[in-house]
Amino acid sequence: MRIVRFAVLLLLAAACSRTVKVESDPDRGRVDVDVQRPGTPEGWSAVLRSVNASGVTGEGSARDMDNASHVTVRIAGA
């Protein structure tokens, strides 16, 4: 039944002329489907916290657009 739902979701997404990005995690059995317009930038950000009182902290961010990745990492206390 999951496969049928997944197939219907993909067909609907394709009919809307949007980009479909599918990622699967075989260990957990989960599937992530992102549907977005072509050319829409995608990105993430993170906060780096000190581990074992090392004093090293920072932040990072990335975005993906037009087949290129742009990454920024700032580290303090290294």
PDB file of N, CA and C in Angstrom:
ATOM      1  N   MET A   1       0.810  -1.194   0.000  1.00  0.00           N
ATOM      2  CA  MET A   1       0.000   0.000   0.000  1.00  0.00           C
ATOM      3  C   MET A   1       0.860   1.267   0.000  1.00  0.00           C
ATOM      4  N   ARG A   2       1.994   1.219   0.700  1.00  0.00           N
ATOM      5  CA  ARG A   2       2.876   2.388   0.727  1.00  0.00           C
ATOM      6  C   ARG A   2       3.412   2.714  -0.659  1.00  0.00           C
ATOM      7  N   ILE A   3       3.724   1.675  -1.413  1.00  0.00           N
ATOM      8  CA  ILE A   3       4.269   1.889  -2.753  1.00  0.00           C
ATOM      9  C   ILE A   3       3.237   2.560  -3.648  1.00  0.00           C
ATOM     10  N   VAL A   4       1.975   2.178  -3.512  1.00  0.00           N
ATOM     11  CA  VAL A   4       0.915   2.782  -4.315  1.00  0.00           C
ATOM     12  C   VAL A   4       0.768   4.260  -3.959  1.00  0.00           C
ATOM     13  N   ARG A   5       0.772   4.563  -2.678  1.00  0.00           N
ATOM     14  CA  ARG A   5       0.667   5.975  -2.245  1.00  0.00           C
ATOM     15  C   ARG A   5       1.848   6.782  -2.768  1.00  0.00           C
ATOM     16  N   PHE A   6       3.024   6.205  -2.667  1.00  0.00           N
ATOM     17  CA  PHE A   6       4.225   6.888  -3.130  1.00  0.00           C
ATOM     18  C   PHE A   6       4.165   7.142  -4.629  1.00  0.00           C
ATOM     19  N   ALA A   7       3.727   6.156  -5.403  1.00  0.00           N
ATOM     20  CA  ALA A   7       3.622   6.301  -6.855  1.00  0.00           C
ATOM     21  C   ALA A   7       2.618   7.384  -7.234  1.00  0.00           C
ATOM     22  N   VAL A   8       1.484   7.411  -6.532  1.00  0.00           N
ATOM     23  CA  VAL A   8       0.469   8.437  -6.807  1.00  0.00           C
ATOM     24  C   VAL A   8       1.019   9.815  -6.481  1.00  0.00           C
ATOM     25  N   LEU A   9       1.736   9.927  -5.384  1.00  0.00           N
ATOM     26  CA  LEU A   9       2.336  11.207  -5.013  1.00  0.00           C
ATOM     27  C   LEU A   9       3.319  11.688  -6.074  1.00  0.00           C
ATOM     28  N   LEU A  10       4.151  10.790  -6.563  1.00  0.00           N
ATOM     29  CA  LEU A  10       5.105  11.170  -7.603  1.00  0.00           C
ATOM     30  C   LEU A  10       4.413  11.586  -8.891  1.00  0.00           C
ATOM     31  N   LEU A  11       3.370  10.886  -9.274  1.00  0.00           N
ATOM     32  CA  LEU A  11       2.634  11.242 -10.491  1.00  0.00           C
ATOM     33  C   LEU A  11       1.966  12.604 -10.359  1.00  0.00           C
ATOM     34  N   LEU A  12       1.391  12.867  -9.209  1.00  0.00           N
ATOM     35  CA  LEU A  12       0.770  14.177  -8.988  1.00  0.00           C
ATOM     36  C   LEU A  12       1.815  15.283  -9.014  1.00  0.00           C
ATOM     37  N   ALA A  13       2.943  15.025  -8.416  1.00  0.00           N
ATOM     38  CA  ALA A  13       4.008  16.020  -8.400  1.00  0.00           C
ATOM     39  C   ALA A  13       4.520  16.286  -9.814  1.00  0.00           C
ATOM     40  N   ALA A  14       4.685  15.256 -10.592  1.00  0.00           N
ATOM     41  CA  ALA A  14       5.157  15.432 -11.966  1.00  0.00           C
ATOM     42  C   ALA A  14       4.138  16.179 -12.812  1.00  0.00           C
ATOM     43  N   ALA A  15       2.880  15.954 -12.557  1.00  0.00           N
ATOM     44  CA  ALA A  15       1.828  16.628 -13.310  1.00  0.00           C
ATOM     45  C   ALA A  15       1.821  18.125 -13.035  1.00  0.00           C
ATOM     46  N   CYS A  16       2.326  18.526 -11.909  1.00  0.00           N
ATOM     47  CA  CYS A  16       2.362  19.948 -11.545  1.00  0.00           C
ATOM     48  C   CYS A  16       3.596  20.639 -12.115  1.00  0.00           C
ATOM     49  N   SER A  17       4.384  19.945 -12.911  1.00  0.00           N
ATOM     50  CA  SER A  17       5.617  20.439 -13.534  1.00  0.00           C
ATOM     51  C   SER A  17       6.556  21.085 -12.531  1.00  0.00           C
ATOM     52  N   ARG A  18       6.777  20.365 -11.493  1.00  0.00           N
ATOM     53  CA  ARG A  18       7.721  20.804 -10.471  1.00  0.00           C
ATOM     54  C   ARG A  18       8.828  19.768 -10.355  1.00  0.00           C
ATOM     55  N   THR A  19       9.935  20.180  -9.763  1.00  0.00           N
ATOM     56  CA  THR A  19      11.044  19.278  -9.543  1.00  0.00           C
ATOM     57  C   THR A  19      10.734  18.371  -8.357  1.00  0.00           C
ATOM     58  N   VAL A  20      10.949  17.088  -8.531  1.00  0.00           N
ATOM     59  CA  VAL A  20      10.721  16.128  -7.446  1.00  0.00           C
ATOM     60  C   VAL A  20      12.064  15.564  -7.032  1.00  0.00           C
ATOM     61  N   LYS A  21      12.380  15.678  -5.756  1.00  0.00           N
ATOM     62  CA  LYS A  21      13.619  15.142  -5.209  1.00  0.00           C
ATOM     63  C   LYS A  21      13.246  14.091  -4.181  1.00  0.00           C
ATOM     64  N   VAL A  22      13.709  12.876  -4.376  1.00  0.00           N
ATOM     65  CA  VAL A  22      13.361  11.766  -3.495  1.00  0.00           C
ATOM     66  C   VAL A  22      14.623  11.256  -2.809  1.00  0.00           C
ATOM     67  N   GLU A  23      14.584  11.188  -1.486  1.00  0.00           N
ATOM     68  CA  GLU A  23      15.676  10.610  -0.711  1.00  0.00           C
ATOM     69  C   GLU A  23      15.099   9.516   0.162  1.00  0.00           C
ATOM     70  N   SER A  24      15.794   8.393   0.243  1.00  0.00           N
ATOM     71  CA  SER A  24      15.300   7.298   1.074  1.00  0.00           C
ATOM     72  C   SER A  24      16.359   6.882   2.087  1.00  0.00           C
ATOM     73  N   ASP A  25      15.894   6.412   3.223  1.00  0.00           N
ATOM     74  CA  ASP A  25      16.754   5.907   4.284  1.00  0.00           C
ATOM     75  C   ASP A  25      16.416   4.438   4.477  1.00  0.00           C
ATOM     76  N   PRO A  26      17.192   3.534   3.878  1.00  0.00           N
ATOM     77  CA  PRO A  26      16.848   2.110   3.957  1.00  0.00           C
ATOM     78  C   PRO A  26      16.907   1.554   5.376  1.00  0.00           C
ATOM     79  N   ASP A  27      17.738   2.146   6.241  1.00  0.00           N
ATOM     80  CA  ASP A  27      17.830   1.655   7.617  1.00  0.00           C
ATOM     81  C   ASP A  27      16.539   1.896   8.392  1.00  0.00           C
ATOM     82  N   ARG A  28      15.919   3.024   8.173  1.00  0.00           N
ATOM     83  CA  ARG A  28      14.690   3.365   8.888  1.00  0.00           C
ATOM     84  C   ARG A  28      13.435   3.108   8.071  1.00  0.00           C
ATOM     85  N   GLY A  29      13.593   2.890   6.771  1.00  0.00           N
ATOM     86  CA  GLY A  29      12.441   2.652   5.914  1.00  0.00           C
ATOM     87  C   GLY A  29      11.636   3.904   5.624  1.00  0.00           C
ATOM     88  N   ARG A  30      12.267   5.058   5.708  1.00  0.00           N
ATOM     89  CA  ARG A  30      11.571   6.326   5.477  1.00  0.00           C
ATOM     90  C   ARG A  30      11.942   6.894   4.116  1.00  0.00           C
ATOM     91  N   VAL A  31      11.006   7.625   3.542  1.00  0.00           N
ATOM     92  CA  VAL A  31      11.226   8.273   2.256  1.00  0.00           C
ATOM     93  C   VAL A  31      10.871   9.743   2.405  1.00  0.00           C
ATOM     94  N   ASP A  32      11.751  10.620   1.919  1.00  0.00           N
ATOM     95  CA  ASP A  32      11.518  12.061   1.950  1.00  0.00           C
ATOM     96  C   ASP A  32      11.334  12.528   0.512  1.00  0.00           C
ATOM     97  N   VAL A  33      10.198  13.153   0.229  1.00  0.00           N
ATOM     98  CA  VAL A  33       9.917  13.656  -1.113  1.00  0.00           C
ATOM     99  C   VAL A  33       9.772  15.164  -1.038  1.00  0.00           C
ATOM    100  N   ASP A  34      10.640  15.887  -1.733  1.00  0.00           N
ATOM    101  CA  ASP A  34      10.566  17.335  -1.815  1.00  0.00           C
ATOM    102  C   ASP A  34      10.013  17.710  -3.175  1.00  0.00           C
ATOM    103  N   VAL A  35       8.994  18.543  -3.195  1.00  0.00           N
ATOM    104  CA  VAL A  35       8.408  19.014  -4.439  1.00  0.00           C
ATOM    105  C   VAL A  35       8.547  20.528  -4.456  1.00  0.00           C
ATOM    106  N   GLN A  36       9.194  21.034  -5.476  1.00  0.00           N
ATOM    107  CA  GLN A  36       9.404  22.478  -5.570  1.00  0.00           C
ATOM    108  C   GLN A  36       9.522  22.894  -7.023  1.00  0.00           C
ATOM    109  N   ARG A  37       9.403  24.160  -7.252  1.00  0.00           N
ATOM    110  CA  ARG A  37       9.548  24.691  -8.607  1.00  0.00           C
ATOM    111  C   ARG A  37      11.002  24.584  -9.050  1.00  0.00           C
ATOM    112  N   PRO A  38      11.251  24.352 -10.341  1.00  0.00           N
ATOM    113  CA  PRO A  38      12.627  24.287 -10.834  1.00  0.00           C
ATOM    114  C   PRO A  38      13.367  25.590 -10.560  1.00  0.00           C
ATOM    115  N   GLY A  39      14.623  25.481 -10.166  1.00  0.00           N
ATOM    116  CA  GLY A  39      15.447  26.657  -9.894  1.00  0.00           C
ATOM    117  C   GLY A  39      15.283  27.221  -8.502  1.00  0.00           C
ATOM    118  N   THR A  40      14.418  26.646  -7.691  1.00  0.00           N
ATOM    119  CA  THR A  40      14.235  27.124  -6.327  1.00  0.00           C
ATOM    120  C   THR A  40      15.456  26.732  -5.505  1.00  0.00           C
ATOM    121  N   PRO A  41      16.071  27.699  -4.817  1.00  0.00           N
ATOM    122  CA  PRO A  41      17.243  27.348  -4.016  1.00  0.00           C
ATOM    123  C   PRO A  41      16.851  26.477  -2.828  1.00  0.00           C
ATOM    124  N   GLU A  42      17.750  25.600  -2.451  1.00  0.00           N
ATOM    125  CA  GLU A  42      17.531  24.717  -1.319  1.00  0.00           C
ATOM    126  C   GLU A  42      18.695  24.919  -0.362  1.00  0.00           C
ATOM    127  N   GLY A  43      18.445  24.877   0.941  1.00  0.00           N
ATOM    128  CA  GLY A  43      19.544  25.118   1.857  1.00  0.00           C
ATOM    129  C   GLY A  43      19.309  24.579   3.245  1.00  0.00           C
ATOM    130  N   TRP A  44      20.327  24.726   4.076  1.00  0.00           N
ATOM    131  CA  TRP A  44      20.260  24.311   5.467  1.00  0.00           C
ATOM    132  C   TRP A  44      21.202  25.184   6.273  1.00  0.00           C
ATOM    133  N   SER A  45      21.009  25.175   7.579  1.00  0.00           N
ATOM    134  CA  SER A  45      21.925  25.868   8.477  1.00  0.00           C
ATOM    135  C   SER A  45      22.059  25.059   9.752  1.00  0.00           C
ATOM    136  N   ALA A  46      23.169  25.271  10.467  1.00  0.00           N
ATOM    137  CA  ALA A  46      23.423  24.516  11.686  1.00  0.00           C
ATOM    138  C   ALA A  46      24.226  25.359  12.663  1.00  0.00           C
ATOM    139  N   VAL A  47      24.058  25.070  13.936  1.00  0.00           N
ATOM    140  CA  VAL A  47      24.829  25.704  14.990  1.00  0.00           C
ATOM    141  C   VAL A  47      25.785  24.653  15.539  1.00  0.00           C
ATOM    142  N   LEU A  48      27.065  25.014  15.624  1.00  0.00           N
ATOM    143  CA  LEU A  48      28.077  24.105  16.145  1.00  0.00           C
ATOM    144  C   LEU A  48      28.327  24.467  17.602  1.00  0.00           C
ATOM    145  N   ARG A  49      28.100  23.514  18.491  1.00  0.00           N
ATOM    146  CA  ARG A  49      28.266  23.759  19.917  1.00  0.00           C
ATOM    147  C   ARG A  49      29.517  23.055  20.426  1.00  0.00           C
ATOM    148  N   SER A  50      30.071  23.607  21.473  1.00  0.00           N
ATOM    149  CA  SER A  50      31.263  23.059  22.098  1.00  0.00           C
ATOM    150  C   SER A  50      30.997  21.650  22.641  1.00  0.00           C
ATOM    151  N   VAL A  51      31.973  20.754  22.480  1.00  0.00           N
ATOM    152  CA  VAL A  51      31.874  19.387  22.985  1.00  0.00           C
ATOM    153  C   VAL A  51      33.005  19.161  23.983  1.00  0.00           C
ATOM    154  N   ASN A  52      32.690  18.568  25.110  1.00  0.00           N
ATOM    155  CA  ASN A  52      33.682  18.262  26.150  1.00  0.00           C
ATOM    156  C   ASN A  52      34.489  19.487  26.566  1.00  0.00           C
ATOM    157  N   ALA A  53      33.815  20.621  26.698  1.00  0.00           N
ATOM    158  CA  ALA A  53      34.440  21.881  27.142  1.00  0.00           C
ATOM    159  C   ALA A  53      35.613  22.300  26.264  1.00  0.00           C
ATOM    160  N   SER A  54      35.542  21.999  24.986  1.00  0.00           N
ATOM    161  CA  SER A  54      36.631  22.353  24.075  1.00  0.00           C
ATOM    162  C   SER A  54      36.676  23.851  23.782  1.00  0.00           C
ATOM    163  N   GLY A  55      35.538  24.528  23.901  1.00  0.00           N
ATOM    164  CA  GLY A  55      35.488  25.953  23.610  1.00  0.00           C
ATOM    165  C   GLY A  55      35.325  26.277  22.135  1.00  0.00           C
ATOM    166  N   VAL A  56      35.255  25.269  21.296  1.00  0.00           N
ATOM    167  CA  VAL A  56      35.099  25.476  19.852  1.00  0.00           C
ATOM    168  C   VAL A  56      33.599  25.553  19.535  1.00  0.00           C
ATOM    169  N   THR A  57      33.196  26.658  18.921  1.00  0.00           N
ATOM    170  CA  THR A  57      31.799  26.864  18.541  1.00  0.00           C
ATOM    171  C   THR A  57      31.766  27.397  17.119  1.00  0.00           C
ATOM    172  N   GLY A  58      30.575  27.516  16.577  1.00  0.00           N
ATOM    173  CA  GLY A  58      30.469  28.085  15.244  1.00  0.00           C
ATOM    174  C   GLY A  58      29.099  27.916  14.645  1.00  0.00           C
ATOM    175  N   GLU A  59      29.045  28.167  13.370  1.00  0.00           N
ATOM    176  CA  GLU A  59      27.805  28.016  12.618  1.00  0.00           C
ATOM    177  C   GLU A  59      28.153  27.665  11.178  1.00  0.00           C
ATOM    178  N   GLY A  60      27.218  27.046  10.528  1.00  0.00           N
ATOM    179  CA  GLY A  60      27.426  26.678   9.133  1.00  0.00           C
ATOM    180  C   GLY A  60      26.136  26.810   8.358  1.00  0.00           C
ATOM    181  N   SER A  61      26.251  27.066   7.091  1.00  0.00           N
ATOM    182  CA  SER A  61      25.072  27.145   6.229  1.00  0.00           C
ATOM    183  C   SER A  61      25.481  26.741   4.817  1.00  0.00           C
ATOM    184  N   ALA A  62      24.500  26.278   4.084  1.00  0.00           N
ATOM    185  CA  ALA A  62      24.749  25.886   2.697  1.00  0.00           C
ATOM    186  C   ALA A  62      23.484  26.107   1.889  1.00  0.00           C
ATOM    187  N   ARG A  63      23.667  26.378   0.618  1.00  0.00           N
ATOM    188  CA  ARG A  63      22.528  26.469  -0.292  1.00  0.00           C
ATOM    189  C   ARG A  63      22.950  25.888  -1.625  1.00  0.00           C
ATOM    190  N   ASP A  64      21.986  25.333  -2.297  1.00  0.00           N
ATOM    191  CA  ASP A  64      22.222  24.666  -3.571  1.00  0.00           C
ATOM    192  C   ASP A  64      21.320  25.300  -4.603  1.00  0.00           C
ATOM    193  N   MET A  65      21.929  25.821  -5.670  1.00  0.00           N
ATOM    194  CA  MET A  65      21.136  26.440  -6.726  1.00  0.00           C
ATOM    195  C   MET A  65      21.905  26.376  -8.035  1.00  0.00           C
ATOM    196  N   ASP A  66      21.211  26.048  -9.091  1.00  0.00           N
ATOM    197  CA  ASP A  66      21.805  25.992 -10.433  1.00  0.00           C
ATOM    198  C   ASP A  66      23.016  25.065 -10.479  1.00  0.00           C
ATOM    199  N   ASN A  67      22.894  23.877  -9.899  1.00  0.00           N
ATOM    200  CA  ASN A  67      23.935  22.847  -9.925  1.00  0.00           C
ATOM    201  C   ASN A  67      25.241  23.294  -9.283  1.00  0.00           C
ATOM    202  N   ALA A  68      25.157  24.198  -8.298  1.00  0.00           N
ATOM    203  CA  ALA A  68      26.337  24.631  -7.550  1.00  0.00           C
ATOM    204  C   ALA A  68      25.976  24.712  -6.077  1.00  0.00           C
ATOM    205  N   SER A  69      26.933  24.380  -5.223  1.00  0.00           N
ATOM    206  CA  SER A  69      26.719  24.466  -3.784  1.00  0.00           C
ATOM    207  C   SER A  69      27.554  25.601  -3.224  1.00  0.00           C
ATOM    208  N   HIS A  70      26.949  26.392  -2.359  1.00  0.00           N
ATOM    209  CA  HIS A  70      27.621  27.506  -1.698  1.00  0.00           C
ATOM    210  C   HIS A  70      27.586  27.220  -0.200  1.00  0.00           C
ATOM    211  N   VAL A  71      28.767  27.058   0.409  1.00  0.00           N
ATOM    212  CA  VAL A  71      28.870  26.679   1.813  1.00  0.00           C
ATOM    213  C   VAL A  71      29.627  27.754   2.576  1.00  0.00           C
ATOM    214  N   THR A  72      29.114  28.097   3.765  1.00  0.00           N
ATOM    215  CA  THR A  72      29.772  29.034   4.656  1.00  0.00           C
ATOM    216  C   THR A  72      29.889  28.381   6.029  1.00  0.00           C
ATOM    217  N   VAL A  73      31.114  28.369   6.585  1.00  0.00           N
ATOM    218  CA  VAL A  73      31.347  27.811   7.917  1.00  0.00           C
ATOM    219  C   VAL A  73      32.148  28.831   8.697  1.00  0.00           C
ATOM    220  N   ARG A  74      31.665  29.155   9.899  1.00  0.00           N
ATOM    221  CA  ARG A  74      32.383  30.070  10.797  1.00  0.00           C
ATOM    222  C   ARG A  74      32.683  29.315  12.084  1.00  0.00           C
ATOM    223  N   ILE A  75      33.970  29.296  12.483  1.00  0.00           N
ATOM    224  CA  ILE A  75      34.361  28.586  13.687  1.00  0.00           C
ATOM    225  C   ILE A  75      35.113  29.542  14.594  1.00  0.00           C
ATOM    226  N   ALA A  76      34.798  29.486  15.892  1.00  0.00           N
ATOM    227  CA  ALA A  76      35.484  30.320  16.886  1.00  0.00           C
ATOM    228  C   ALA A  76      36.080  29.421  17.962  1.00  0.00           C
ATOM    229  N   GLY A  77      37.203  29.824  18.504  1.00  0.00           N
ATOM    230  CA  GLY A  77      37.824  29.089  19.592  1.00  0.00           C
ATOM    231  C   GLY A  77      38.646  27.900  19.165  1.00  0.00           C
ATOM    232  N   ALA A  78      38.998  27.828  17.894  1.00  0.00           N
ATOM    233  CA  ALA A  78      39.778  26.674  17.418  1.00  0.00           C
ATOM    234  C   ALA A  78      41.264  26.924  17.582  1.00  0.00           C
TER     235      ALA A  78
END
